[in-house]
Amino acid sequence: MPKYVIRLLGEEAKPEWLANVNPLVVVVFVVVITQLTKKYKAVTVMLIGMLIMPFSALAMAMSQSLGSITGPEMNVLGLFTMYPLTLMMIIGIGIQGLAECFISPRFLEYFANQAPDGEEGVYMGFSHLHSFFSALIGLTMSGFLLEAYCPDPKTLPAGITEIERASYYANAHVIWYYFVAIALVAALSLFIFRYVTNKIDQKKLEVG
């Protein structure tokens, strides 16, 4: 995300400020959402968060479409101007934070509930294994996507015009569609997992 913003808006961009949106949303909403969903099963609440997540990447993908309507800068409520990309990044990261409010508080609870007595620590330790694989795959994939759709300006041919330069970034928003797809597959996988395990549990109760 930081490289994406800097490559599209220039070195003067300050993407580190955008990173504050996620923790701000979590701090504001996590207690409320946790209280509202405490009566539901952990896996159900996690699924709600997973279904919200694709809209985060989709909002980020809409930045260039919004820019084609508003122009390079847009007026926000007559108070200040903002890049369309910045606005959609804020919205996308905010949605991501909202999804985390559903997922994170119940994630470790779910793993702890699956553990046999006395093995809660082992199960909760392995619950973070996905972070390793997602970081490894995600960071590698992001590098390839950036080079394909949003290359480093320093690697562009020297002496190109602004129109030629813009052509290299015309499809930069496509990067986020990959993450929309990943989020949808993840949500669908969790739904299938819940469906299958519910069926198994139901059969065990019938046999018992």
Protein backbone atom coordinates (compact mmCIF):
# COMPACT_ATOMS: atom_id res chain seq x y z
CA MET A 1 0.00 0.00 0.00
CA PRO A 2 2.71 2.61 0.84
CA LYS A 3 4.57 1.94 -2.42
CA TYR A 4 1.29 1.97 -4.36
CA VAL A 5 0.38 5.40 -2.97
CA ILE A 6 3.84 6.89 -3.45
CA ARG A 7 4.16 5.61 -7.02
CA LEU A 8 0.79 7.08 -7.99
CA LEU A 9 0.91 10.36 -6.06
CA GLY A 10 4.62 11.03 -5.91
CA GLU A 11 7.33 11.11 -3.28
CA GLU A 12 5.54 13.88 -1.38
CA ALA A 13 2.74 11.48 -0.42
CA LYS A 14 2.54 10.47 3.25
CA PRO A 15 1.05 6.94 3.28
CA GLU A 16 2.15 6.41 6.90
CA TRP A 17 -0.77 8.60 7.95
CA LEU A 18 -3.16 6.22 6.22
CA ALA A 19 -1.86 3.36 8.34
CA ASN A 20 -3.36 5.06 11.40
CA VAL A 21 -6.90 4.60 10.07
CA ASN A 22 -6.98 0.87 10.86
CA PRO A 23 -6.09 1.08 14.57
CA LEU A 24 -8.37 4.12 14.97
CA VAL A 25 -11.37 2.19 13.63
CA VAL A 26 -10.51 -0.84 15.78
CA VAL A 27 -10.20 1.24 18.96
CA VAL A 28 -13.51 3.01 18.30
CA PHE A 29 -15.63 0.03 17.25
CA VAL A 30 -14.15 -3.20 18.64
CA VAL A 31 -15.84 -3.02 22.06
CA VAL A 32 -19.24 -2.17 20.58
CA ILE A 33 -19.07 -4.92 17.95
CA THR A 34 -17.81 -7.49 20.46
CA GLN A 35 -20.71 -6.72 22.78
CA LEU A 36 -23.28 -6.88 19.97
CA THR A 37 -21.98 -10.25 18.72
CA LYS A 38 -21.09 -11.97 22.00
CA LYS A 39 -24.18 -14.22 21.83
CA TYR A 40 -23.15 -15.64 18.46
CA LYS A 41 -20.67 -18.44 17.85
CA ALA A 42 -17.10 -17.35 17.24
CA VAL A 43 -16.96 -18.90 13.76
CA THR A 44 -20.17 -17.08 12.75
CA VAL A 45 -18.80 -13.70 13.85
CA MET A 46 -15.53 -14.42 12.07
CA LEU A 47 -17.46 -15.23 8.90
CA ILE A 48 -19.21 -11.85 9.06
CA GLY A 49 -15.81 -10.17 9.21
CA MET A 50 -14.52 -12.27 6.32
CA LEU A 51 -17.52 -11.25 4.20
CA ILE A 52 -16.81 -7.58 4.94
CA MET A 53 -13.14 -7.85 3.99
CA PRO A 54 -13.55 -7.98 0.16
CA PHE A 55 -15.24 -4.57 0.24
CA SER A 56 -12.03 -3.12 1.68
CA ALA A 57 -9.97 -4.02 -1.39
CA LEU A 58 -12.88 -3.15 -3.68
CA ALA A 59 -13.01 0.38 -2.26
CA MET A 60 -9.28 0.80 -2.89
CA ALA A 61 -9.76 -0.41 -6.46
CA MET A 62 -12.36 2.31 -7.05
CA SER A 63 -9.88 5.16 -6.53
CA GLN A 64 -8.99 5.56 -10.19
CA SER A 65 -12.64 5.40 -11.24
CA LEU A 66 -13.45 8.16 -8.76
CA GLY A 67 -10.49 10.18 -10.04
CA SER A 68 -11.83 9.99 -13.60
CA ILE A 69 -15.02 11.64 -12.33
CA THR A 70 -13.67 14.23 -9.89
CA GLY A 71 -10.31 14.98 -11.48
CA PRO A 72 -6.92 14.78 -9.77
CA GLU A 73 -8.23 16.48 -6.60
CA MET A 74 -11.65 16.64 -5.01
CA ASN A 75 -13.30 19.00 -2.55
CA VAL A 76 -14.52 17.33 0.64
CA LEU A 77 -17.54 19.12 2.15
CA GLY A 78 -16.04 22.45 1.19
CA LEU A 79 -13.48 22.08 3.98
CA PHE A 80 -10.39 20.75 2.23
CA THR A 81 -9.18 19.08 -0.94
CA MET A 82 -8.04 15.50 -1.18
CA TYR A 83 -6.77 13.10 -3.79
CA PRO A 84 -9.47 10.58 -4.78
CA LEU A 85 -6.93 7.84 -4.16
CA THR A 86 -6.37 9.07 -0.60
CA LEU A 87 -10.10 9.14 0.12
CA MET A 88 -10.68 5.61 -1.17
CA MET A 89 -7.64 4.34 0.71
CA ILE A 90 -9.07 5.79 3.93
CA ILE A 91 -12.45 4.15 3.22
CA GLY A 92 -10.85 0.82 2.27
CA ILE A 93 -8.57 0.71 5.30
CA GLY A 94 -11.50 1.74 7.51
CA ILE A 95 -13.57 -1.17 6.18
CA GLN A 96 -10.62 -3.46 6.83
CA GLY A 97 -10.45 -2.24 10.42
CA LEU A 98 -14.17 -2.86 10.80
CA ALA A 99 -13.74 -6.43 9.54
CA GLU A 100 -10.94 -6.96 12.05
CA CYS A 101 -13.32 -5.93 14.85
CA PHE A 102 -15.39 -9.00 14.00
CA ILE A 103 -12.51 -11.40 13.36
CA SER A 104 -9.69 -10.70 15.80
CA PRO A 105 -11.49 -10.84 19.19
CA ARG A 106 -13.09 -14.21 18.40
CA PHE A 107 -10.21 -15.81 16.51
CA LEU A 108 -8.19 -17.02 19.49
CA GLU A 109 -11.39 -17.91 21.32
CA TYR A 110 -12.33 -20.22 18.48
CA PHE A 111 -8.97 -21.99 18.52
CA ALA A 112 -9.04 -22.32 22.29
CA ASN A 113 -12.48 -23.92 22.09
CA GLN A 114 -11.15 -26.57 19.68
CA ALA A 115 -8.32 -27.58 21.99
CA PRO A 116 -8.52 -30.60 24.30
CA ASP A 117 -8.14 -29.80 27.99
CA GLY A 118 -4.59 -28.77 28.79
CA GLU A 119 -3.58 -28.16 25.17
CA GLU A 120 -5.04 -24.67 24.73
CA GLY A 121 -1.58 -23.09 24.52
CA VAL A 122 -0.45 -25.43 21.74
CA TYR A 123 -3.58 -24.82 19.70
CA MET A 124 -3.42 -21.05 20.16
CA GLY A 125 0.24 -21.13 19.17
CA PHE A 126 -0.55 -22.96 15.95
CA SER A 127 -3.38 -20.51 15.28
CA HIS A 128 -0.72 -18.00 14.21
CA LEU A 129 0.79 -20.34 11.63
CA HIS A 130 -1.38 -18.75 8.96
CA SER A 131 0.32 -15.40 9.62
CA PHE A 132 3.65 -16.83 8.48
CA PHE A 133 2.28 -18.23 5.23
CA SER A 134 0.12 -15.19 4.47
CA ALA A 135 3.04 -12.82 5.04
CA LEU A 136 5.38 -14.93 2.91
CA ILE A 137 2.92 -15.36 0.04
CA GLY A 138 1.35 -11.91 0.33
CA LEU A 139 4.60 -9.96 0.32
CA THR A 140 5.97 -11.95 -2.60
CA MET A 141 2.77 -11.64 -4.60
CA SER A 142 2.51 -7.92 -3.86
CA GLY A 143 5.96 -7.36 -5.31
CA PHE A 144 5.03 -9.03 -8.58
CA LEU A 145 1.71 -7.15 -8.74
CA LEU A 146 3.38 -3.80 -8.16
CA GLU A 147 5.90 -4.42 -10.92
CA ALA A 148 3.17 -5.56 -13.30
CA TYR A 149 0.59 -2.82 -12.69
CA CYS A 150 2.33 -0.04 -10.74
CA PRO A 151 6.06 -0.03 -11.58
CA ASP A 152 8.67 2.04 -9.80
CA PRO A 153 8.95 5.40 -11.62
CA LYS A 154 12.74 5.05 -11.53
CA THR A 155 12.49 2.02 -13.83
CA LEU A 156 10.50 3.82 -16.53
CA PRO A 157 12.23 4.88 -19.76
CA ALA A 158 13.93 8.25 -19.57
CA GLY A 159 12.37 11.18 -21.41
CA ILE A 160 8.81 9.83 -21.60
CA THR A 161 5.89 12.26 -21.67
CA GLU A 162 3.26 12.55 -18.94
CA ILE A 163 0.76 10.77 -21.17
CA GLU A 164 3.18 7.91 -21.73
CA ARG A 165 3.94 7.79 -18.03
CA ALA A 166 0.22 7.65 -17.18
CA SER A 167 -0.22 4.67 -19.46
CA TYR A 168 2.07 2.62 -17.22
CA TYR A 169 -0.31 3.21 -14.29
CA ALA A 170 -3.66 3.03 -16.10
CA ASN A 171 -4.42 -0.39 -14.62
CA ALA A 172 -2.81 0.08 -11.20
CA HIS A 173 -6.19 -0.45 -9.52
CA VAL A 174 -6.30 -4.02 -10.86
CA ILE A 175 -3.91 -4.97 -8.04
CA TRP A 176 -6.76 -4.71 -5.55
CA TYR A 177 -8.99 -7.05 -7.51
CA TYR A 178 -6.57 -9.85 -6.69
CA PHE A 179 -7.11 -9.15 -3.01
CA VAL A 180 -10.87 -9.01 -3.53
CA ALA A 181 -10.64 -12.52 -5.01
CA ILE A 182 -8.46 -13.78 -2.18
CA ALA A 183 -10.83 -12.39 0.44
CA LEU A 184 -13.85 -13.95 -1.29
CA VAL A 185 -12.15 -17.36 -1.50
CA ALA A 186 -11.22 -17.10 2.19
CA ALA A 187 -14.80 -16.23 3.19
CA LEU A 188 -16.21 -19.03 1.03
CA SER A 189 -13.71 -21.50 2.49
CA LEU A 190 -14.69 -20.56 6.04
CA PHE A 191 -18.38 -20.93 5.14
CA ILE A 192 -17.78 -24.41 3.70
CA PHE A 193 -15.69 -25.34 6.72
CA ARG A 194 -18.45 -24.25 9.10
CA TYR A 195 -21.08 -26.11 7.08
CA VAL A 196 -19.08 -29.35 6.99
CA THR A 197 -18.12 -29.27 10.67
CA ASN A 198 -21.70 -28.49 11.70
CA LYS A 199 -22.85 -31.56 9.76
CA ILE A 200 -20.21 -33.70 11.46
CA ASP A 201 -21.18 -32.40 14.90
CA GLN A 202 -24.86 -33.03 14.16
CA LYS A 203 -24.16 -36.64 13.16
CA LYS A 204 -22.19 -37.20 16.35
CA LEU A 205 -25.11 -35.91 18.41
CA GLU A 206 -27.55 -38.17 16.54
CA VAL A 207 -25.31 -41.21 17.07
CA GLY A 208 -24.79 -40.28 20.72
